[in-house]
Amino acid sequence: MNDGATARRAGRARGRRAAVGRVVTVLAAVALAGCGGPGEEGRGIPGDTRPAASRSGADAPPASPSVPAVDGRDPAACADGDCEIAVSGPVAVRFDGPAGRTTVSVSEVGPHRIEYAVESGNGRSASGTEGRGHSCRTVLRAGGSATSCGAVGDGGPPGARPGTVVVQVVPGEDGTALLRVVSG
């Protein structure tokens, strides 16, 4: 084999290794720049996602809910079967549904996460969703119910046909969820 060709191949190989080394160095620097140390987001403790205190040492003010609600936070607003409330923890709302007395019980709310159950007539269903842009809808009828959850986002208030009630839950990024009840 030609010594010149071998030398060119060896030079290209060294050049590629050097380029790869530079890329790895840049990626490492970018990754480290995004990591907070103690006192930054996450407080430097693995698994701790609580917001850190501000640089002045005072706690940061709580964030306003990412999901403003027409009826505020009052579960009593749902008594007539039509409401839109913000929830940030366990709550139960009661109203008359197509199969009789209905209770929607939210058991857990977190950032982009909600767990809830619906009891109506003799039936009970539990559901929940987790993920940015996810929500759930439960449609109640005199003969039963159906629930769907997933990456459907917040398309606005659901529509209910006559004789149905639609329950929609939309978790927000700050641990507050929007609970909508719409009667047809």
Protein backbone atom coordinates (compact mmCIF):
# COMPACT_ATOMS: atom_id res chain seq x y z
CA MET A 1 0.00 0.00 0.00
CA ASN A 2 1.12 3.56 -0.66
CA ASP A 3 2.64 5.32 2.39
CA GLY A 4 1.08 8.63 1.25
CA ALA A 5 -2.44 7.15 1.21
CA THR A 6 -1.89 5.59 4.63
CA ALA A 7 -0.68 8.91 6.02
CA ARG A 8 -3.75 10.73 4.59
CA ARG A 9 -6.12 8.15 6.13
CA ALA A 10 -4.34 8.44 9.49
CA GLY A 11 -4.59 12.25 9.29
CA ARG A 12 -8.32 12.11 8.52
CA ALA A 13 -8.86 9.69 11.41
CA ARG A 14 -7.01 12.03 13.79
CA GLY A 15 -9.11 14.93 12.48
CA ARG A 16 -12.37 13.01 13.05
CA ARG A 17 -11.29 12.05 16.58
CA ALA A 18 -10.45 15.67 17.31
CA ALA A 19 -13.82 16.84 15.93
CA VAL A 20 -15.67 14.23 18.00
CA GLY A 21 -13.70 15.34 21.06
CA ARG A 22 -14.71 18.97 20.45
CA VAL A 23 -18.38 18.00 20.04
CA VAL A 24 -18.30 15.96 23.26
CA THR A 25 -16.67 18.87 25.09
CA VAL A 26 -19.31 21.34 23.85
CA LEU A 27 -22.17 18.97 24.74
CA ALA A 28 -20.74 18.41 28.21
CA ALA A 29 -20.41 22.16 28.75
CA VAL A 30 -24.02 22.75 27.62
CA ALA A 31 -25.28 19.97 29.88
CA LEU A 32 -23.40 21.31 32.88
CA ALA A 33 -24.60 24.86 32.22
CA GLY A 34 -28.21 23.62 32.42
CA CYS A 35 -27.67 21.89 35.76
CA GLY A 36 -28.35 23.94 38.86
CA GLY A 37 -26.17 23.63 41.87
CA PRO A 38 -27.21 24.00 45.47
CA GLY A 39 -29.68 26.88 45.85
CA GLU A 40 -30.82 26.58 42.26
CA GLU A 41 -33.97 24.85 40.95
CA GLY A 42 -34.23 21.48 42.65
CA ARG A 43 -31.98 22.69 45.53
CA GLY A 44 -29.22 20.38 44.29
CA ILE A 45 -30.87 17.37 45.92
CA PRO A 46 -31.66 14.51 43.52
CA GLY A 47 -35.41 14.02 43.14
CA ASP A 48 -36.28 17.35 44.80
CA THR A 49 -38.28 19.41 42.31
CA ARG A 50 -39.42 22.11 44.71
CA PRO A 51 -38.60 25.62 43.55
CA ALA A 52 -35.52 27.07 45.20
CA ALA A 53 -35.53 30.27 47.21
CA SER A 54 -34.70 33.44 45.37
CA ARG A 55 -31.11 34.68 45.36
CA SER A 56 -31.96 37.13 48.17
CA GLY A 57 -32.81 34.16 50.38
CA ALA A 58 -36.54 34.90 50.61
CA ASP A 59 -39.03 32.37 49.36
CA ALA A 60 -40.43 33.15 45.93
CA PRO A 61 -44.13 34.11 45.86
CA PRO A 62 -46.46 31.31 44.83
CA ALA A 63 -47.22 31.17 41.12
CA SER A 64 -50.70 32.15 40.01
CA PRO A 65 -52.74 29.20 38.75
CA SER A 66 -52.09 28.37 35.10
CA VAL A 67 -55.77 27.52 34.69
CA PRO A 68 -58.11 30.41 35.53
CA ALA A 69 -61.67 29.17 36.19
CA VAL A 70 -64.99 30.92 35.63
CA ASP A 71 -66.31 29.81 39.04
CA GLY A 72 -63.03 30.23 40.93
CA ARG A 73 -62.32 27.43 43.41
CA ASP A 74 -65.82 26.91 44.83
CA PRO A 75 -67.02 23.28 44.55
CA ALA A 76 -70.56 24.45 45.47
CA ALA A 77 -70.70 26.11 42.03
CA CYS A 78 -71.11 22.59 40.57
CA ALA A 79 -74.34 21.83 42.47
CA ASP A 80 -76.45 22.65 39.40
CA GLY A 81 -74.39 20.39 37.10
CA ASP A 82 -72.69 23.26 35.26
CA CYS A 83 -69.42 24.70 36.52
CA GLU A 84 -65.76 25.43 35.86
CA ILE A 85 -63.56 25.43 38.95
CA ALA A 86 -59.83 25.31 39.68
CA VAL A 87 -58.70 22.55 42.03
CA SER A 88 -55.28 22.07 43.60
CA GLY A 89 -55.97 19.18 45.96
CA PRO A 90 -58.58 16.62 46.94
CA VAL A 91 -62.13 17.85 46.46
CA ALA A 92 -65.60 16.37 45.88
CA VAL A 93 -68.35 17.99 43.83
CA ARG A 94 -71.93 16.72 43.86
CA PHE A 95 -74.80 17.25 41.45
CA ASP A 96 -77.78 15.42 39.95
CA GLY A 97 -76.71 13.51 36.84
CA PRO A 98 -78.65 11.41 34.33
CA ALA A 99 -78.42 8.30 36.57
CA GLY A 100 -79.14 10.12 39.85
CA ARG A 101 -76.90 11.70 42.46
CA THR A 102 -73.37 12.07 41.07
CA THR A 103 -70.09 12.75 42.84
CA VAL A 104 -66.83 13.69 41.17
CA SER A 105 -63.97 13.16 43.61
CA VAL A 106 -60.52 14.51 42.74
CA SER A 107 -57.99 12.55 44.79
CA GLU A 108 -54.69 13.91 43.50
CA VAL A 109 -53.51 16.94 41.55
CA GLY A 110 -49.93 17.71 40.56
CA PRO A 111 -48.04 19.38 37.73
CA HIS A 112 -49.61 18.00 34.52
CA ARG A 113 -51.30 15.23 36.58
CA ILE A 114 -54.76 14.46 37.98
CA GLU A 115 -56.53 11.41 39.46
CA TYR A 116 -60.29 11.38 39.95
CA ALA A 117 -63.34 9.13 40.33
CA VAL A 118 -66.96 9.53 39.26
CA GLU A 119 -69.82 7.84 41.13
CA SER A 120 -73.23 8.00 39.52
CA GLY A 121 -76.24 5.78 40.21
CA ASN A 122 -74.83 2.33 40.91
CA GLY A 123 -71.65 2.84 38.88
CA ARG A 124 -68.19 4.07 39.72
CA SER A 125 -65.20 4.74 37.51
CA ALA A 126 -61.74 6.01 38.34
CA SER A 127 -59.38 7.64 35.91
CA GLY A 128 -56.51 10.04 35.59
CA THR A 129 -53.93 11.41 33.26
CA GLU A 130 -50.37 12.65 33.35
CA GLY A 131 -48.47 14.66 30.78
CA ARG A 132 -48.30 18.09 29.24
CA GLY A 133 -51.40 18.70 27.08
CA HIS A 134 -53.32 15.72 28.49
CA SER A 135 -56.85 15.78 29.84
CA CYS A 136 -59.78 13.44 30.53
CA ARG A 137 -63.49 13.53 29.68
CA THR A 138 -66.15 11.40 31.28
CA VAL A 139 -69.57 11.33 29.60
CA LEU A 140 -72.43 10.30 31.88
CA ARG A 141 -75.73 8.90 30.54
CA ALA A 142 -78.69 7.24 32.28
CA GLY A 143 -77.42 3.85 31.03
CA GLY A 144 -73.73 4.23 31.88
CA SER A 145 -70.61 6.27 31.30
CA ALA A 146 -67.50 6.43 29.15
CA THR A 147 -64.14 8.03 29.88
CA SER A 148 -61.31 8.95 27.56
CA CYS A 149 -57.95 10.44 28.53
CA GLY A 150 -54.86 11.37 26.65
CA ALA A 151 -53.04 14.04 24.72
CA VAL A 152 -56.10 16.00 23.76
CA GLY A 153 -55.20 19.31 25.38
CA ASP A 154 -57.69 21.87 26.59
CA GLY A 155 -60.06 22.34 23.68
CA GLY A 156 -62.34 24.54 25.75
CA PRO A 157 -65.54 23.60 27.53
CA PRO A 158 -67.04 20.33 26.35
CA GLY A 159 -70.48 20.18 24.81
CA ALA A 160 -73.14 17.93 26.36
CA ARG A 161 -76.06 16.42 24.47
CA PRO A 162 -79.52 16.33 26.04
CA GLY A 163 -79.65 13.71 28.79
CA THR A 164 -75.87 13.67 29.33
CA VAL A 165 -73.33 15.29 31.60
CA VAL A 166 -69.70 15.76 30.55
CA VAL A 167 -66.97 16.01 33.18
CA GLN A 168 -63.64 17.32 31.90
CA VAL A 169 -60.41 17.56 33.92
CA VAL A 170 -57.40 19.47 32.60
CA PRO A 171 -54.26 19.46 34.77
CA GLY A 172 -52.00 22.51 34.59
CA GLU A 173 -48.27 22.96 34.92
CA ASP A 174 -48.43 24.47 38.41
CA GLY A 175 -50.34 21.67 40.13
CA THR A 176 -53.74 23.29 39.63
CA ALA A 177 -56.33 21.55 37.46
CA LEU A 178 -59.44 22.81 35.73
CA LEU A 179 -62.60 20.80 36.49
CA ARG A 180 -65.54 21.40 34.16
CA VAL A 181 -69.02 19.94 34.47
CA VAL A 182 -71.44 20.58 31.59
CA SER A 183 -75.02 19.27 31.61
CA GLY A 184 -77.06 18.79 28.44
